[in-house]
């Protein structure tokens, strides 16, 4: 059953904000005590410009160190603030350059950045076989010392597609729902030699993509056969933390509504 849509308060209007960020120096999206977070920086900047304390709502809370090229959020601001010109320019003047506002637009009253989204898509970049990662790519590309076979990666990944309980691939969180529909999990190799995994689902659990990547890599390097990944899913046995791949290779690239 879908989550209820939350409507805005009287006297306010809703803004949709499309943004991009380098998550390297942040403790994830959500506020953390005494730590710098994406939401914390945005809340401060938008509140300063709107003249009221805002509460951003995001399409997907990215983990510490994870990036986004196409994140979506909404905020409710007083109707008078809707007339503020140059929201994009002015917010980007306030924010550090590792967070960039791409677009600010008026949203329907019932638009909800999280509940209205029907699909999120991530990309994971991985340099296998001790490839040299170029200096400017070190922020969004993880490394692996063994050579990986693309066909084996895709054979394992394809077995995980569909609606399943992905509890085995999620870090535990109290009251977390773990049934998800995995719509895409496909690997390819770029001309540069870098591997990319495109992963899309209606929603993701905490650390789910990085767990899925780790399981596929275990098959791609020949450590296990593809049936091992299927068994992990079916038996709901938590994958070891050693299979959780680094955050820096992961980027949110699309949110569909």
Protein backbone atom coordinates (compact mmCIF):
# COMPACT_ATOMS: atom_id res chain seq x y z
CA UNK A 1 0.00 0.00 0.00
CA UNK A 2 1.37 3.42 -0.97
CA UNK A 3 2.20 6.07 1.57
CA UNK A 4 -0.35 8.88 2.06
CA UNK A 5 0.26 12.16 0.31
CA UNK A 6 1.02 15.03 2.68
CA UNK A 7 -0.58 18.36 1.75
CA UNK A 8 0.90 21.75 2.50
CA UNK A 9 -0.32 24.18 5.13
CA UNK A 10 -2.59 27.11 4.41
CA UNK A 11 -0.74 30.23 3.29
CA UNK A 12 2.19 28.27 1.89
CA UNK A 13 3.18 27.15 -1.59
CA UNK A 14 5.24 24.14 -2.58
CA UNK A 15 8.48 24.34 -4.51
CA UNK A 16 10.18 21.47 -6.31
CA UNK A 17 13.96 21.71 -6.23
CA UNK A 18 16.17 19.64 -8.54
CA UNK A 19 19.75 19.41 -7.37
CA UNK A 20 23.10 17.68 -7.68
CA UNK A 21 25.82 17.07 -5.11
CA UNK A 22 29.16 15.48 -4.40
CA UNK A 23 28.58 13.52 -1.21
CA UNK A 24 32.27 13.03 -0.39
CA UNK A 25 32.40 15.43 2.54
CA UNK A 26 28.94 14.76 3.97
CA UNK A 27 27.53 12.28 6.47
CA UNK A 28 24.68 11.47 4.09
CA UNK A 29 21.43 13.29 3.44
CA UNK A 30 19.65 13.08 6.77
CA UNK A 31 20.62 15.24 9.77
CA UNK A 32 23.22 13.71 12.09
CA UNK A 33 24.33 15.10 15.46
CA UNK A 34 27.42 17.29 15.08
CA UNK A 35 27.94 16.22 11.46
CA UNK A 36 27.62 18.01 8.14
CA UNK A 37 24.80 16.66 5.98
CA UNK A 38 23.21 17.55 2.66
CA UNK A 39 19.83 18.23 4.24
CA UNK A 40 21.39 20.36 6.93
CA UNK A 41 23.13 22.60 4.40
CA UNK A 42 20.01 22.94 2.27
CA UNK A 43 17.75 23.63 5.24
CA UNK A 44 20.02 26.45 6.35
CA UNK A 45 20.32 27.99 2.86
CA UNK A 46 16.64 27.79 1.93
CA UNK A 47 15.46 28.99 5.35
CA UNK A 48 17.73 32.02 5.06
CA UNK A 49 16.33 32.90 1.64
CA UNK A 50 12.67 32.14 2.46
CA UNK A 51 12.73 33.90 5.80
CA UNK A 52 11.22 30.91 7.64
CA UNK A 53 12.48 27.56 8.89
CA UNK A 54 11.81 24.97 6.17
CA UNK A 55 11.68 21.19 6.30
CA UNK A 56 12.98 19.67 3.05
CA UNK A 57 11.47 16.39 1.84
CA UNK A 58 13.65 14.36 -0.52
CA UNK A 59 13.01 11.62 -3.07
CA UNK A 60 15.69 9.35 -1.60
CA UNK A 61 17.95 9.73 1.40
CA UNK A 62 21.44 8.97 0.16
CA UNK A 63 24.00 7.42 2.51
CA UNK A 64 27.23 9.03 3.67
CA UNK A 65 29.57 9.59 0.73
CA UNK A 66 26.97 8.86 -1.95
CA UNK A 67 26.48 11.38 -4.77
CA UNK A 68 23.55 12.62 -6.85
CA UNK A 69 23.26 14.15 -10.28
CA UNK A 70 19.45 14.24 -10.29
CA UNK A 71 18.09 14.43 -6.75
CA UNK A 72 14.61 15.90 -6.18
CA UNK A 73 13.21 17.54 -3.08
CA UNK A 74 10.32 19.80 -2.14
CA UNK A 75 9.89 22.54 0.44
CA UNK A 76 6.92 24.56 1.57
CA UNK A 77 7.51 28.31 1.79
CA UNK A 78 5.24 31.29 2.46
CA UNK A 79 3.44 32.38 -0.71
CA UNK A 80 5.27 35.70 -0.56
CA UNK A 81 8.59 33.83 -0.87
CA UNK A 82 7.42 32.31 -4.15
CA UNK A 83 7.98 35.73 -5.72
CA UNK A 84 11.66 35.79 -4.77
CA UNK A 85 13.60 36.08 -8.06
CA UNK A 86 16.59 33.99 -9.07
CA UNK A 87 16.14 31.18 -6.54
CA UNK A 88 18.74 29.03 -8.33
CA UNK A 89 21.36 31.73 -8.49
CA UNK A 90 20.82 32.95 -4.94
CA UNK A 91 20.84 29.50 -3.36
CA UNK A 92 23.99 28.55 -5.21
CA UNK A 93 25.63 31.71 -3.90
CA UNK A 94 24.89 30.54 -0.33
CA UNK A 95 25.74 26.86 -0.72
CA UNK A 96 29.23 25.41 -1.03
CA UNK A 97 30.11 24.37 -4.61
CA UNK A 98 29.75 20.64 -3.87
CA UNK A 99 25.96 21.18 -3.76
CA UNK A 100 24.37 22.76 -6.83
CA UNK A 101 20.75 23.73 -7.31
CA UNK A 102 19.74 22.91 -10.89
CA UNK A 103 16.15 24.09 -10.99
CA UNK A 104 13.49 25.58 -8.70
CA UNK A 105 9.89 25.35 -9.90
CA UNK A 106 6.38 25.72 -8.55
CA UNK A 107 4.87 22.33 -7.69
CA UNK A 108 1.29 21.17 -7.40
CA UNK A 109 -0.09 21.28 -3.87
CA UNK A 110 -0.19 17.48 -3.72
CA UNK A 111 3.27 16.90 -5.23
CA UNK A 112 5.47 14.97 -2.81
CA UNK A 113 9.14 14.42 -3.61
CA UNK A 114 9.18 11.05 -1.86
CA UNK A 115 5.68 9.60 -2.09
CA UNK A 116 4.98 10.77 -5.65
CA UNK A 117 8.14 9.12 -7.00
CA UNK A 118 7.58 5.82 -8.78
CA UNK A 119 11.21 4.89 -9.50
CA UNK A 120 14.75 5.76 -8.45
CA UNK A 121 17.78 4.90 -10.52
CA UNK A 122 21.40 4.72 -9.37
CA UNK A 123 24.64 4.09 -11.17
CA UNK A 124 27.63 2.37 -9.59
CA UNK A 125 31.07 2.92 -11.16
CA UNK A 126 33.79 0.37 -10.48
CA UNK A 127 37.39 0.07 -11.68
CA UNK A 128 38.30 -3.62 -11.46
CA UNK A 129 41.58 -5.50 -11.96
CA UNK A 130 43.64 -2.77 -10.29
CA UNK A 131 42.85 -0.24 -13.00
CA UNK A 132 44.25 3.21 -12.41
CA UNK A 133 41.51 5.67 -11.51
CA UNK A 134 42.15 9.13 -12.91
CA UNK A 135 42.41 11.89 -10.30
CA UNK A 136 39.13 13.58 -11.25
CA UNK A 137 37.28 10.23 -11.18
CA UNK A 138 38.40 9.19 -7.72
CA UNK A 139 35.34 10.80 -6.15
CA UNK A 140 32.74 8.77 -8.07
CA UNK A 141 34.54 5.52 -8.91
CA UNK A 142 35.28 2.67 -6.52
CA UNK A 143 38.11 0.18 -7.08
CA UNK A 144 38.45 -3.60 -6.94
CA UNK A 145 41.66 -5.60 -7.24
CA UNK A 146 40.30 -8.66 -9.08
CA UNK A 147 39.18 -8.84 -12.71
CA UNK A 148 35.41 -9.10 -13.18
CA UNK A 149 33.52 -10.83 -15.97
CA UNK A 150 30.60 -8.73 -17.29
CA UNK A 151 28.58 -11.76 -18.37
CA UNK A 152 28.84 -13.35 -14.94
CA UNK A 153 27.91 -10.05 -13.29
CA UNK A 154 24.76 -9.81 -15.40
CA UNK A 155 23.83 -13.47 -14.91
CA UNK A 156 23.83 -13.00 -11.15
CA UNK A 157 22.14 -9.59 -11.28
CA UNK A 158 19.28 -10.77 -13.51
CA UNK A 159 18.26 -13.37 -10.92
CA UNK A 160 17.49 -10.59 -8.44
CA UNK A 161 15.06 -8.67 -10.65
CA UNK A 162 11.40 -8.39 -9.68
CA UNK A 163 9.49 -7.94 -6.45
CA UNK A 164 11.19 -9.62 -3.50
CA UNK A 165 11.95 -9.19 0.15
CA UNK A 166 15.48 -7.77 -0.04
CA UNK A 167 16.15 -7.99 3.70
CA UNK A 168 19.35 -9.95 2.97
CA UNK A 169 20.72 -6.98 1.05
CA UNK A 170 19.81 -4.20 3.48
CA UNK A 171 21.44 -2.91 6.62
CA UNK A 172 19.05 -3.31 9.52
CA UNK A 173 16.89 -0.35 10.47
CA UNK A 174 14.00 -0.43 12.91
CA UNK A 175 10.62 -0.70 11.15
CA UNK A 176 12.25 -0.65 7.70
CA UNK A 177 10.16 -2.14 4.90
CA UNK A 178 12.31 -4.47 2.80
CA UNK A 179 9.96 -5.61 0.03
CA UNK A 180 11.03 -3.80 -3.13
CA UNK A 181 10.64 -4.17 -6.89
CA UNK A 182 14.03 -4.24 -8.60
CA UNK A 183 13.38 -3.13 -12.19
CA UNK A 184 16.90 -2.90 -13.57
CA UNK A 185 20.28 -4.29 -12.56
CA UNK A 186 22.59 -4.30 -15.56
CA UNK A 187 26.36 -4.10 -15.94
CA UNK A 188 28.38 -2.76 -18.86
CA UNK A 189 31.99 -1.80 -19.48
CA UNK A 190 32.85 1.66 -20.79
CA UNK A 191 35.53 2.23 -23.43
CA UNK A 192 37.74 3.46 -20.59
CA UNK A 193 37.51 0.04 -18.94
CA UNK A 194 35.36 1.25 -16.05
CA UNK A 195 32.42 -0.98 -15.14
CA UNK A 196 29.02 0.59 -14.55
CA UNK A 197 26.01 -0.99 -12.91
CA UNK A 198 22.65 0.67 -13.63
CA UNK A 199 20.21 -0.16 -10.84
CA UNK A 200 16.57 0.96 -10.72
CA UNK A 201 13.73 0.15 -8.32
CA UNK A 202 10.51 1.62 -7.01
CA UNK A 203 12.48 2.35 -3.81
CA UNK A 204 15.61 1.15 -2.04
CA UNK A 205 16.40 0.04 1.49
CA UNK A 206 19.31 1.41 3.48
CA UNK A 207 22.59 0.40 1.76
CA UNK A 208 20.72 -1.92 -0.64
CA UNK A 209 22.49 -0.93 -3.87
CA UNK A 210 25.94 -1.30 -2.35
CA UNK A 211 24.97 -4.77 -1.05
CA UNK A 212 23.63 -5.80 -4.46
CA UNK A 213 26.86 -4.64 -6.10
CA UNK A 214 28.93 -6.63 -3.63
CA UNK A 215 26.95 -9.80 -4.23
CA UNK A 216 27.24 -9.45 -8.01
CA UNK A 217 30.99 -8.86 -7.73
CA UNK A 218 31.38 -12.07 -5.72
CA UNK A 219 29.94 -13.93 -8.70
CA UNK A 220 31.68 -11.77 -11.32
CA UNK A 221 35.11 -12.62 -9.95
CA UNK A 222 34.34 -16.36 -9.84
CA UNK A 223 34.14 -16.74 -6.07
CA UNK A 224 30.57 -18.11 -6.30
CA UNK A 225 28.21 -19.28 -9.01
CA UNK A 226 25.17 -17.18 -9.93
CA UNK A 227 22.85 -19.46 -7.91
CA UNK A 228 24.55 -18.23 -4.75
CA UNK A 229 23.02 -14.77 -5.20
CA UNK A 230 19.59 -16.31 -5.72
CA UNK A 231 20.00 -18.40 -2.57
CA UNK A 232 20.95 -15.35 -0.51
CA UNK A 233 17.76 -13.64 -1.68
CA UNK A 234 15.50 -16.66 -1.14
CA UNK A 235 16.89 -17.60 2.27
CA UNK A 236 16.79 -14.00 3.54
CA UNK A 237 20.22 -14.46 5.09
CA UNK A 238 21.91 -11.12 5.71
CA UNK A 239 24.88 -10.58 3.40
CA UNK A 240 28.11 -10.00 5.31
CA UNK A 241 29.22 -6.37 5.66
CA UNK A 242 32.33 -7.39 3.73
CA UNK A 243 30.14 -7.42 0.59
CA UNK A 244 29.03 -3.80 1.05
CA UNK A 245 30.92 -1.81 -1.55
CA UNK A 246 32.24 1.73 -0.94
CA UNK A 247 29.86 4.68 -1.08
CA UNK A 248 31.98 6.78 -3.44
CA UNK A 249 31.09 4.65 -6.47
CA UNK A 250 27.36 5.27 -6.09
CA UNK A 251 25.37 8.10 -7.65
CA UNK A 252 21.63 8.78 -7.80
CA UNK A 253 21.06 9.60 -11.49
CA UNK A 254 17.28 9.72 -11.95
CA UNK A 255 13.98 10.02 -10.10
CA UNK A 256 10.80 9.30 -12.07
CA UNK A 257 7.34 10.64 -11.24
